[in-house]
mmCIF file of all heavy atoms, coordinates in Angstrom:
data_MODEL
# 
_entry.id   MODEL 
# 
loop_
_atom_site.group_PDB 
_atom_site.id 
_atom_site.type_symbol 
_atom_site.label_atom_id 
_atom_site.label_alt_id 
_atom_site.label_comp_id 
_atom_site.label_asym_id 
_atom_site.label_entity_id 
_atom_site.label_seq_id 
_atom_site.pdbx_PDB_ins_code 
_atom_site.Cartn_x 
_atom_site.Cartn_y 
_atom_site.Cartn_z 
_atom_site.occupancy 
_atom_site.B_iso_or_equiv 
_atom_site.pdbx_formal_charge 
_atom_site.auth_seq_id 
_atom_site.auth_comp_id 
_atom_site.auth_asym_id 
_atom_site.auth_atom_id 
_atom_site.pdbx_PDB_model_num 
ATOM 1   N N   . THR A 1 1  ? 0.813  -1.221  0.000  1.00 0.00 ? 1  THR A N   1 
ATOM 2   C CA  . THR A 1 1  ? 0.000  0.000   0.000  1.00 0.00 ? 1  THR A CA  1 
ATOM 3   C C   . THR A 1 1  ? 0.844  1.268   0.000  1.00 0.00 ? 1  THR A C   1 
ATOM 4   O O   . THR A 1 1  ? 0.305  2.365   0.014  1.00 0.00 ? 1  THR A O   1 
ATOM 5   C CB  . THR A 1 1  ? -0.913 0.032   1.228  1.00 0.00 ? 1  THR A CB  1 
ATOM 6   O OG1 . THR A 1 1  ? -0.106 0.006   2.417  1.00 0.00 ? 1  THR A OG1 1 
ATOM 7   C CG2 . THR A 1 1  ? -1.857 -1.161  1.237  1.00 0.00 ? 1  THR A CG2 1 
ATOM 8   N N   . GLU A 1 2  ? 2.178  1.121   -0.004 1.00 0.00 ? 2  GLU A N   1 
ATOM 9   C CA  . GLU A 1 2  ? 3.089  2.265   0.002  1.00 0.00 ? 2  GLU A CA  1 
ATOM 10  C C   . GLU A 1 2  ? 2.883  3.165   1.220  1.00 0.00 ? 2  GLU A C   1 
ATOM 11  O O   . GLU A 1 2  ? 3.012  4.379   1.134  1.00 0.00 ? 2  GLU A O   1 
ATOM 12  C CB  . GLU A 1 2  ? 2.958  3.071   -1.294 1.00 0.00 ? 2  GLU A CB  1 
ATOM 13  C CG  . GLU A 1 2  ? 3.351  2.295   -2.534 1.00 0.00 ? 2  GLU A CG  1 
ATOM 14  C CD  . GLU A 1 2  ? 4.732  1.674   -2.435 1.00 0.00 ? 2  GLU A CD  1 
ATOM 15  O OE1 . GLU A 1 2  ? 5.692  2.399   -2.171 1.00 0.00 ? 2  GLU A OE1 1 
ATOM 16  O OE2 . GLU A 1 2  ? 4.835  0.451   -2.622 1.00 0.00 ? 2  GLU A OE2 1 
ATOM 17  N N   . GLN A 1 3  ? 2.534  2.555   2.321  1.00 0.00 ? 3  GLN A N   1 
ATOM 18  C CA  . GLN A 1 3  ? 2.515  3.280   3.584  1.00 0.00 ? 3  GLN A CA  1 
ATOM 19  C C   . GLN A 1 3  ? 2.720  2.275   4.706  1.00 0.00 ? 3  GLN A C   1 
ATOM 20  O O   . GLN A 1 3  ? 2.488  1.069   4.535  1.00 0.00 ? 3  GLN A O   1 
ATOM 21  C CB  . GLN A 1 3  ? 1.204  4.036   3.788  1.00 0.00 ? 3  GLN A CB  1 
ATOM 22  C CG  . GLN A 1 3  ? -0.020 3.171   3.961  1.00 0.00 ? 3  GLN A CG  1 
ATOM 23  C CD  . GLN A 1 3  ? -1.280 4.006   4.103  1.00 0.00 ? 3  GLN A CD  1 
ATOM 24  O OE1 . GLN A 1 3  ? -1.361 5.107   3.606  1.00 0.00 ? 3  GLN A OE1 1 
ATOM 25  N NE2 . GLN A 1 3  ? -2.267 3.454   4.791  1.00 0.00 ? 3  GLN A NE2 1 
ATOM 26  N N   . LEU A 1 4  ? 3.187  2.763   5.838  1.00 0.00 ? 4  LEU A N   1 
ATOM 27  C CA  . LEU A 1 4  ? 3.489  1.895   6.969  1.00 0.00 ? 4  LEU A CA  1 
ATOM 28  C C   . LEU A 1 4  ? 2.202  1.362   7.580  1.00 0.00 ? 4  LEU A C   1 
ATOM 29  O O   . LEU A 1 4  ? 1.294  2.123   7.902  1.00 0.00 ? 4  LEU A O   1 
ATOM 30  C CB  . LEU A 1 4  ? 4.297  2.666   8.015  1.00 0.00 ? 4  LEU A CB  1 
ATOM 31  C CG  . LEU A 1 4  ? 4.862  1.859   9.175  1.00 0.00 ? 4  LEU A CG  1 
ATOM 32  C CD1 . LEU A 1 4  ? 5.981  0.942   8.690  1.00 0.00 ? 4  LEU A CD1 1 
ATOM 33  C CD2 . LEU A 1 4  ? 5.382  2.788   10.266 1.00 0.00 ? 4  LEU A CD2 1 
ATOM 34  N N   . MET A 1 5  ? 2.131  0.044   7.742  1.00 0.00 ? 5  MET A N   1 
ATOM 35  C CA  . MET A 1 5  ? 0.986  -0.576  8.387  1.00 0.00 ? 5  MET A CA  1 
ATOM 36  C C   . MET A 1 5  ? 1.145  -0.515  9.912  1.00 0.00 ? 5  MET A C   1 
ATOM 37  O O   . MET A 1 5  ? 2.249  -0.298  10.417 1.00 0.00 ? 5  MET A O   1 
ATOM 38  C CB  . MET A 1 5  ? 0.866  -2.036  7.941  1.00 0.00 ? 5  MET A CB  1 
ATOM 39  C CG  . MET A 1 5  ? 0.563  -2.218  6.458  1.00 0.00 ? 5  MET A CG  1 
ATOM 40  S SD  . MET A 1 5  ? -1.112 -1.713  6.004  1.00 0.00 ? 5  MET A SD  1 
ATOM 41  C CE  . MET A 1 5  ? -0.796 -0.062  5.355  1.00 0.00 ? 5  MET A CE  1 
ATOM 42  N N   . PRO A 1 6  ? 0.059  -0.688  10.672 1.00 0.00 ? 6  PRO A N   1 
ATOM 43  C CA  . PRO A 1 6  ? 0.189  -0.710  12.129 1.00 0.00 ? 6  PRO A CA  1 
ATOM 44  C C   . PRO A 1 6  ? 1.178  -1.783  12.582 1.00 0.00 ? 6  PRO A C   1 
ATOM 45  O O   . PRO A 1 6  ? 1.130  -2.927  12.124 1.00 0.00 ? 6  PRO A O   1 
ATOM 46  C CB  . PRO A 1 6  ? -1.235 -1.016  12.605 1.00 0.00 ? 6  PRO A CB  1 
ATOM 47  C CG  . PRO A 1 6  ? -2.115 -0.525  11.503 1.00 0.00 ? 6  PRO A CG  1 
ATOM 48  C CD  . PRO A 1 6  ? -1.342 -0.786  10.231 1.00 0.00 ? 6  PRO A CD  1 
ATOM 49  N N   . LEU A 1 7  ? 2.075  -1.405  13.473 1.00 0.00 ? 7  LEU A N   1 
ATOM 50  C CA  . LEU A 1 7  ? 3.088  -2.344  13.943 1.00 0.00 ? 7  LEU A CA  1 
ATOM 51  C C   . LEU A 1 7  ? 2.492  -3.322  14.945 1.00 0.00 ? 7  LEU A C   1 
ATOM 52  O O   . LEU A 1 7  ? 1.633  -2.967  15.751 1.00 0.00 ? 7  LEU A O   1 
ATOM 53  C CB  . LEU A 1 7  ? 4.248  -1.595  14.604 1.00 0.00 ? 7  LEU A CB  1 
ATOM 54  C CG  . LEU A 1 7  ? 4.969  -0.532  13.780 1.00 0.00 ? 7  LEU A CG  1 
ATOM 55  C CD1 . LEU A 1 7  ? 6.218  -0.082  14.525 1.00 0.00 ? 7  LEU A CD1 1 
ATOM 56  C CD2 . LEU A 1 7  ? 5.333  -1.044  12.398 1.00 0.00 ? 7  LEU A CD2 1 
ATOM 57  N N   . ARG A 1 8  ? 2.974  -4.534  14.898 1.00 0.00 ? 8  ARG A N   1 
ATOM 58  C CA  . ARG A 1 8  ? 2.621  -5.520  15.921 1.00 0.00 ? 8  ARG A CA  1 
ATOM 59  C C   . ARG A 1 8  ? 3.533  -5.312  17.132 1.00 0.00 ? 8  ARG A C   1 
ATOM 60  O O   . ARG A 1 8  ? 4.565  -4.658  17.045 1.00 0.00 ? 8  ARG A O   1 
ATOM 61  C CB  . ARG A 1 8  ? 2.748  -6.930  15.352 1.00 0.00 ? 8  ARG A CB  1 
ATOM 62  C CG  . ARG A 1 8  ? 1.847  -7.116  14.125 1.00 0.00 ? 8  ARG A CG  1 
ATOM 63  C CD  . ARG A 1 8  ? 1.763  -8.542  13.680 1.00 0.00 ? 8  ARG A CD  1 
ATOM 64  N NE  . ARG A 1 8  ? 0.869  -8.674  12.532 1.00 0.00 ? 8  ARG A NE  1 
ATOM 65  C CZ  . ARG A 1 8  ? 0.506  -9.825  11.983 1.00 0.00 ? 8  ARG A CZ  1 
ATOM 66  N NH1 . ARG A 1 8  ? 0.976  -10.966 12.488 1.00 0.00 ? 8  ARG A NH1 1 
ATOM 67  N NH2 . ARG A 1 8  ? -0.304 -9.864  10.945 1.00 0.00 ? 8  ARG A NH2 1 
ATOM 68  N N   . THR A 1 9  ? 3.151  -5.896  18.214 1.00 0.00 ? 9  THR A N   1 
ATOM 69  C CA  . THR A 1 9  ? 3.824  -5.602  19.493 1.00 0.00 ? 9  THR A CA  1 
ATOM 70  C C   . THR A 1 9  ? 5.057  -6.464  19.745 1.00 0.00 ? 9  THR A C   1 
ATOM 71  O O   . THR A 1 9  ? 5.703  -6.319  20.780 1.00 0.00 ? 9  THR A O   1 
ATOM 72  C CB  . THR A 1 9  ? 2.837  -5.782  20.658 1.00 0.00 ? 9  THR A CB  1 
ATOM 73  O OG1 . THR A 1 9  ? 2.344  -7.140  20.660 1.00 0.00 ? 9  THR A OG1 1 
ATOM 74  C CG2 . THR A 1 9  ? 1.663  -4.823  20.521 1.00 0.00 ? 9  THR A CG2 1 
ATOM 75  N N   . GLY A 1 10 ? 5.386  -7.353  18.800 1.00 0.00 ? 10 GLY A N   1 
ATOM 76  C CA  . GLY A 1 10 ? 6.485  -8.291  19.038 1.00 0.00 ? 10 GLY A CA  1 
ATOM 77  C C   . GLY A 1 10 ? 7.806  -7.617  19.337 1.00 0.00 ? 10 GLY A C   1 
ATOM 78  O O   . GLY A 1 10 ? 8.551  -8.066  20.218 1.00 0.00 ? 10 GLY A O   1 
ATOM 79  N N   . ALA A 1 11 ? 8.136  -6.535  18.631 1.00 0.00 ? 11 ALA A N   1 
ATOM 80  C CA  . ALA A 1 11 ? 9.431  -5.878  18.841 1.00 0.00 ? 11 ALA A CA  1 
ATOM 81  C C   . ALA A 1 11 ? 9.542  -5.350  20.262 1.00 0.00 ? 11 ALA A C   1 
ATOM 82  O O   . ALA A 1 11 ? 10.567 -5.539  20.933 1.00 0.00 ? 11 ALA A O   1 
ATOM 83  C CB  . ALA A 1 11 ? 9.602  -4.745  17.836 1.00 0.00 ? 11 ALA A CB  1 
ATOM 84  N N   . ALA A 1 12 ? 8.498  -4.678  20.746 1.00 0.00 ? 12 ALA A N   1 
ATOM 85  C CA  . ALA A 1 12 ? 8.517  -4.138  22.111 1.00 0.00 ? 12 ALA A CA  1 
ATOM 86  C C   . ALA A 1 12 ? 8.609  -5.262  23.133 1.00 0.00 ? 12 ALA A C   1 
ATOM 87  O O   . ALA A 1 12 ? 9.361  -5.171  24.121 1.00 0.00 ? 12 ALA A O   1 
ATOM 88  C CB  . ALA A 1 12 ? 7.264  -3.293  22.354 1.00 0.00 ? 12 ALA A CB  1 
ATOM 89  N N   . ARG A 1 13 ? 7.880  -6.333  22.922 1.00 0.00 ? 13 ARG A N   1 
ATOM 90  C CA  . ARG A 1 13 ? 7.914  -7.453  23.869 1.00 0.00 ? 13 ARG A CA  1 
ATOM 91  C C   . ARG A 1 13 ? 9.279  -8.118  23.893 1.00 0.00 ? 13 ARG A C   1 
ATOM 92  O O   . ARG A 1 13 ? 9.765  -8.547  24.950 1.00 0.00 ? 13 ARG A O   1 
ATOM 93  C CB  . ARG A 1 13 ? 6.831  -8.459  23.501 1.00 0.00 ? 13 ARG A CB  1 
ATOM 94  C CG  . ARG A 1 13 ? 5.416  -7.939  23.753 1.00 0.00 ? 13 ARG A CG  1 
ATOM 95  C CD  . ARG A 1 13 ? 4.368  -8.809  23.092 1.00 0.00 ? 13 ARG A CD  1 
ATOM 96  N NE  . ARG A 1 13 ? 4.499  -10.201 23.503 1.00 0.00 ? 13 ARG A NE  1 
ATOM 97  C CZ  . ARG A 1 13 ? 4.181  -11.240 22.746 1.00 0.00 ? 13 ARG A CZ  1 
ATOM 98  N NH1 . ARG A 1 13 ? 3.742  -11.039 21.514 1.00 0.00 ? 13 ARG A NH1 1 
ATOM 99  N NH2 . ARG A 1 13 ? 4.317  -12.465 23.202 1.00 0.00 ? 13 ARG A NH2 1 
ATOM 100 N N   . MET A 1 14 ? 9.931  -8.193  22.731 1.00 0.00 ? 14 MET A N   1 
ATOM 101 C CA  . MET A 1 14 ? 11.273 -8.777  22.690 1.00 0.00 ? 14 MET A CA  1 
ATOM 102 C C   . MET A 1 14 ? 12.278 -7.917  23.456 1.00 0.00 ? 14 MET A C   1 
ATOM 103 O O   . MET A 1 14 ? 13.138 -8.432  24.167 1.00 0.00 ? 14 MET A O   1 
ATOM 104 C CB  . MET A 1 14 ? 11.730 -8.937  21.235 1.00 0.00 ? 14 MET A CB  1 
ATOM 105 C CG  . MET A 1 14 ? 11.020 -10.040 20.490 1.00 0.00 ? 14 MET A CG  1 
ATOM 106 S SD  . MET A 1 14 ? 11.450 -10.065 18.740 1.00 0.00 ? 14 MET A SD  1 
ATOM 107 C CE  . MET A 1 14 ? 10.323 -11.337 18.156 1.00 0.00 ? 14 MET A CE  1 
ATOM 108 N N   . VAL A 1 15 ? 12.148 -6.597  23.307 1.00 0.00 ? 15 VAL A N   1 
ATOM 109 C CA  . VAL A 1 15 ? 13.039 -5.687  24.029 1.00 0.00 ? 15 VAL A CA  1 
ATOM 110 C C   . VAL A 1 15 ? 12.852 -5.836  25.529 1.00 0.00 ? 15 VAL A C   1 
ATOM 111 O O   . VAL A 1 15 ? 13.820 -5.996  26.288 1.00 0.00 ? 15 VAL A O   1 
ATOM 112 C CB  . VAL A 1 15 ? 12.788 -4.230  23.593 1.00 0.00 ? 15 VAL A CB  1 
ATOM 113 C CG1 . VAL A 1 15 ? 13.525 -3.261  24.515 1.00 0.00 ? 15 VAL A CG1 1 
ATOM 114 C CG2 . VAL A 1 15 ? 13.230 -4.025  22.155 1.00 0.00 ? 15 VAL A CG2 1 
ATOM 115 N N   . PHE A 1 16 ? 11.604 -5.803  25.977 1.00 0.00 ? 16 PHE A N   1 
ATOM 116 C CA  . PHE A 1 16 ? 11.343 -5.910  27.412 1.00 0.00 ? 16 PHE A CA  1 
ATOM 117 C C   . PHE A 1 16 ? 11.740 -7.290  27.937 1.00 0.00 ? 16 PHE A C   1 
ATOM 118 O O   . PHE A 1 16 ? 12.251 -7.418  29.064 1.00 0.00 ? 16 PHE A O   1 
ATOM 119 C CB  . PHE A 1 16 ? 9.864  -5.644  27.698 1.00 0.00 ? 16 PHE A CB  1 
ATOM 120 C CG  . PHE A 1 16 ? 9.464  -4.213  27.473 1.00 0.00 ? 16 PHE A CG  1 
ATOM 121 C CD1 . PHE A 1 16 ? 8.145  -3.888  27.160 1.00 0.00 ? 16 PHE A CD1 1 
ATOM 122 C CD2 . PHE A 1 16 ? 10.383 -3.188  27.559 1.00 0.00 ? 16 PHE A CD2 1 
ATOM 123 C CE1 . PHE A 1 16 ? 7.773  -2.566  26.944 1.00 0.00 ? 16 PHE A CE1 1 
ATOM 124 C CE2 . PHE A 1 16 ? 10.025 -1.871  27.353 1.00 0.00 ? 16 PHE A CE2 1 
ATOM 125 C CZ  . PHE A 1 16 ? 8.719  -1.562  27.040 1.00 0.00 ? 16 PHE A CZ  1 
ATOM 126 N N   . GLY A 1 17 ? 11.518 -8.330  27.141 1.00 0.00 ? 17 GLY A N   1 
ATOM 127 C CA  . GLY A 1 17 ? 11.915 -9.666  27.566 1.00 0.00 ? 17 GLY A CA  1 
ATOM 128 C C   . GLY A 1 17 ? 13.413 -9.785  27.728 1.00 0.00 ? 17 GLY A C   1 
ATOM 129 O O   . GLY A 1 17 ? 13.895 -10.439 28.667 1.00 0.00 ? 17 GLY A O   1 
ATOM 130 N N   . ALA A 1 18 ? 14.165 -9.145  26.826 1.00 0.00 ? 18 ALA A N   1 
ATOM 131 C CA  . ALA A 1 18 ? 15.624 -9.174  26.930 1.00 0.00 ? 18 ALA A CA  1 
ATOM 132 C C   . ALA A 1 18 ? 16.083 -8.446  28.191 1.00 0.00 ? 18 ALA A C   1 
ATOM 133 O O   . ALA A 1 18 ? 16.994 -8.900  28.896 1.00 0.00 ? 18 ALA A O   1 
ATOM 134 C CB  . ALA A 1 18 ? 16.251 -8.543  25.691 1.00 0.00 ? 18 ALA A CB  1 
ATOM 135 N N   . LEU A 1 19 ? 15.467 -7.302  28.483 1.00 0.00 ? 19 LEU A N   1 
ATOM 136 C CA  . LEU A 1 19 ? 15.828 -6.565  29.694 1.00 0.00 ? 19 LEU A CA  1 
ATOM 137 C C   . LEU A 1 19 ? 15.506 -7.376  30.937 1.00 0.00 ? 19 LEU A C   1 
ATOM 138 O O   . LEU A 1 19 ? 16.288 -7.406  31.900 1.00 0.00 ? 19 LEU A O   1 
ATOM 139 C CB  . LEU A 1 19 ? 15.085 -5.222  29.728 1.00 0.00 ? 19 LEU A CB  1 
ATOM 140 C CG  . LEU A 1 19 ? 15.426 -4.228  28.598 1.00 0.00 ? 19 LEU A CG  1 
ATOM 141 C CD1 . LEU A 1 19 ? 14.594 -2.957  28.733 1.00 0.00 ? 19 LEU A CD1 1 
ATOM 142 C CD2 . LEU A 1 19 ? 16.911 -3.887  28.600 1.00 0.00 ? 19 LEU A CD2 1 
ATOM 143 N N   . GLU A 1 20 ? 14.356 -8.048  30.936 1.00 0.00 ? 20 GLU A N   1 
ATOM 144 C CA  . GLU A 1 20 ? 13.993 -8.909  32.074 1.00 0.00 ? 20 GLU A CA  1 
ATOM 145 C C   . GLU A 1 20 ? 14.961 -10.071 32.225 1.00 0.00 ? 20 GLU A C   1 
ATOM 146 O O   . GLU A 1 20 ? 15.216 -10.544 33.347 1.00 0.00 ? 20 GLU A O   1 
ATOM 147 C CB  . GLU A 1 20 ? 12.578 -9.452  31.889 1.00 0.00 ? 20 GLU A CB  1 
ATOM 148 C CG  . GLU A 1 20 ? 11.467 -8.453  32.165 1.00 0.00 ? 20 GLU A CG  1 
ATOM 149 C CD  . GLU A 1 20 ? 10.112 -9.123  32.132 1.00 0.00 ? 20 GLU A CD  1 
ATOM 150 O OE1 . GLU A 1 20 ? 9.662  -9.495  31.027 1.00 0.00 ? 20 GLU A OE1 1 
ATOM 151 O OE2 . GLU A 1 20 ? 9.493  -9.288  33.209 1.00 0.00 ? 20 GLU A OE2 1 
ATOM 152 N N   . ALA A 1 21 ? 15.519 -10.540 31.075 1.00 0.00 ? 21 ALA A N   1 
ATOM 153 C CA  . ALA A 1 21 ? 16.437 -11.682 31.117 1.00 0.00 ? 21 ALA A CA  1 
ATOM 154 C C   . ALA A 1 21 ? 17.847 -11.287 31.538 1.00 0.00 ? 21 ALA A C   1 
ATOM 155 O O   . ALA A 1 21 ? 18.732 -12.144 31.612 1.00 0.00 ? 21 ALA A O   1 
ATOM 156 C CB  . ALA A 1 21 ? 16.480 -12.354 29.744 1.00 0.00 ? 21 ALA A CB  1 
ATOM 157 N N   . GLY A 1 22 ? 18.062 -9.991  31.782 1.00 0.00 ? 22 GLY A N   1 
ATOM 158 C CA  . GLY A 1 22 ? 19.356 -9.557  32.291 1.00 0.00 ? 22 GLY A CA  1 
ATOM 159 C C   . GLY A 1 22 ? 20.190 -8.745  31.331 1.00 0.00 ? 22 GLY A C   1 
ATOM 160 O O   . GLY A 1 22 ? 21.298 -8.317  31.689 1.00 0.00 ? 22 GLY A O   1 
ATOM 161 N N   . VAL A 1 23 ? 19.709 -8.529  30.126 1.00 0.00 ? 23 VAL A N   1 
ATOM 162 C CA  . VAL A 1 23 ? 20.438 -7.673  29.198 1.00 0.00 ? 23 VAL A CA  1 
ATOM 163 C C   . VAL A 1 23 ? 20.382 -6.237  29.719 1.00 0.00 ? 23 VAL A C   1 
ATOM 164 O O   . VAL A 1 23 ? 19.306 -5.736  30.072 1.00 0.00 ? 23 VAL A O   1 
ATOM 165 C CB  . VAL A 1 23 ? 19.832 -7.749  27.772 1.00 0.00 ? 23 VAL A CB  1 
ATOM 166 C CG1 . VAL A 1 23 ? 20.563 -6.803  26.822 1.00 0.00 ? 23 VAL A CG1 1 
ATOM 167 C CG2 . VAL A 1 23 ? 19.890 -9.180  27.255 1.00 0.00 ? 23 VAL A CG2 1 
ATOM 168 N N   . GLU A 1 24 ? 21.530 -5.574  29.815 1.00 0.00 ? 24 GLU A N   1 
ATOM 169 C CA  . GLU A 1 24 ? 21.588 -4.263  30.462 1.00 0.00 ? 24 GLU A CA  1 
ATOM 170 C C   . GLU A 1 24 ? 20.759 -3.211  29.727 1.00 0.00 ? 24 GLU A C   1 
ATOM 171 O O   . GLU A 1 24 ? 20.045 -2.430  30.330 1.00 0.00 ? 24 GLU A O   1 
ATOM 172 C CB  . GLU A 1 24 ? 23.040 -3.803  30.594 1.00 0.00 ? 24 GLU A CB  1 
ATOM 173 C CG  . GLU A 1 24 ? 23.844 -4.622  31.593 1.00 0.00 ? 24 GLU A CG  1 
ATOM 174 C CD  . GLU A 1 24 ? 25.217 -4.026  31.830 1.00 0.00 ? 24 GLU A CD  1 
ATOM 175 O OE1 . GLU A 1 24 ? 25.508 -2.942  31.272 1.00 0.00 ? 24 GLU A OE1 1 
ATOM 176 O OE2 . GLU A 1 24 ? 26.004 -4.635  32.579 1.00 0.00 ? 24 GLU A OE2 1 
ATOM 177 N N   . ASP A 1 25 ? 20.874 -3.157  28.425 1.00 0.00 ? 25 ASP A N   1 
ATOM 178 C CA  . ASP A 1 25 ? 20.113 -2.183  27.651 1.00 0.00 ? 25 ASP A CA  1 
ATOM 179 C C   . ASP A 1 25 ? 20.060 -2.673  26.215 1.00 0.00 ? 25 ASP A C   1 
ATOM 180 O O   . ASP A 1 25 ? 20.921 -3.449  25.776 1.00 0.00 ? 25 ASP A O   1 
ATOM 181 C CB  . ASP A 1 25 ? 20.748 -0.795  27.711 1.00 0.00 ? 25 ASP A CB  1 
ATOM 182 C CG  . ASP A 1 25 ? 19.812 0.311   27.194 1.00 0.00 ? 25 ASP A CG  1 
ATOM 183 O OD1 . ASP A 1 25 ? 18.638 -0.006  26.921 1.00 0.00 ? 25 ASP A OD1 1 
ATOM 184 O OD2 . ASP A 1 25 ? 20.256 1.452   27.073 1.00 0.00 ? 25 ASP A OD2 1 
ATOM 185 N N   . VAL A 1 26 ? 19.061 -2.232  25.476 1.00 0.00 ? 26 VAL A N   1 
ATOM 186 C CA  . VAL A 1 26 ? 18.912 -2.582  24.067 1.00 0.00 ? 26 VAL A CA  1 
ATOM 187 C C   . VAL A 1 26 ? 18.749 -1.283  23.280 1.00 0.00 ? 26 VAL A C   1 
ATOM 188 O O   . VAL A 1 26 ? 17.919 -0.438  23.628 1.00 0.00 ? 26 VAL A O   1 
ATOM 189 C CB  . VAL A 1 26 ? 17.702 -3.502  23.824 1.00 0.00 ? 26 VAL A CB  1 
ATOM 190 C CG1 . VAL A 1 26 ? 17.557 -3.796  22.333 1.00 0.00 ? 26 VAL A CG1 1 
ATOM 191 C CG2 . VAL A 1 26 ? 17.840 -4.801  24.615 1.00 0.00 ? 26 VAL A CG2 1 
ATOM 192 N N   . GLU A 1 27 ? 19.552 -1.138  22.232 1.00 0.00 ? 27 GLU A N   1 
ATOM 193 C CA  . GLU A 1 27 ? 19.417 0.012   21.346 1.00 0.00 ? 27 GLU A CA  1 
ATOM 194 C C   . GLU A 1 27 ? 18.515 -0.388  20.173 1.00 0.00 ? 27 GLU A C   1 
ATOM 195 O O   . GLU A 1 27 ? 18.799 -1.358  19.471 1.00 0.00 ? 27 GLU A O   1 
ATOM 196 C CB  . GLU A 1 27 ? 20.786 0.449   20.831 1.00 0.00 ? 27 GLU A CB  1 
ATOM 197 C CG  . GLU A 1 27 ? 20.746 1.723   19.995 1.00 0.00 ? 27 GLU A CG  1 
ATOM 198 C CD  . GLU A 1 27 ? 22.121 2.173   19.560 1.00 0.00 ? 27 GLU A CD  1 
ATOM 199 O OE1 . GLU A 1 27 ? 22.713 1.508   18.685 1.00 0.00 ? 27 GLU A OE1 1 
ATOM 200 O OE2 . GLU A 1 27 ? 22.612 3.180   20.111 1.00 0.00 ? 27 GLU A OE2 1 
ATOM 201 N N   . ILE A 1 28 ? 17.455 0.366   19.992 1.00 0.00 ? 28 ILE A N   1 
ATOM 202 C CA  . ILE A 1 28 ? 16.507 0.097   18.909 1.00 0.00 ? 28 ILE A CA  1 
ATOM 203 C C   . ILE A 1 28 ? 16.816 1.053   17.757 1.00 0.00 ? 28 ILE A C   1 
ATOM 204 O O   . ILE A 1 28 ? 16.881 2.268   17.953 1.00 0.00 ? 28 ILE A O   1 
ATOM 205 C CB  . ILE A 1 28 ? 15.054 0.278   19.379 1.00 0.00 ? 28 ILE A CB  1 
ATOM 206 C CG1 . ILE A 1 28 ? 14.800 -0.519  20.664 1.00 0.00 ? 28 ILE A CG1 1 
ATOM 207 C CG2 . ILE A 1 28 ? 14.077 -0.158  18.296 1.00 0.00 ? 28 ILE A CG2 1 
ATOM 208 C CD1 . ILE A 1 28 ? 13.465 -0.212  21.316 1.00 0.00 ? 28 ILE A CD1 1 
# 
């Protein structure tokens, strides 16, 4: 459609899951 579709939440959940697992910080 030549435009950005609504994002799914997987990226945010992966970031938070990594932080919970002990990763100090994640750069997006």
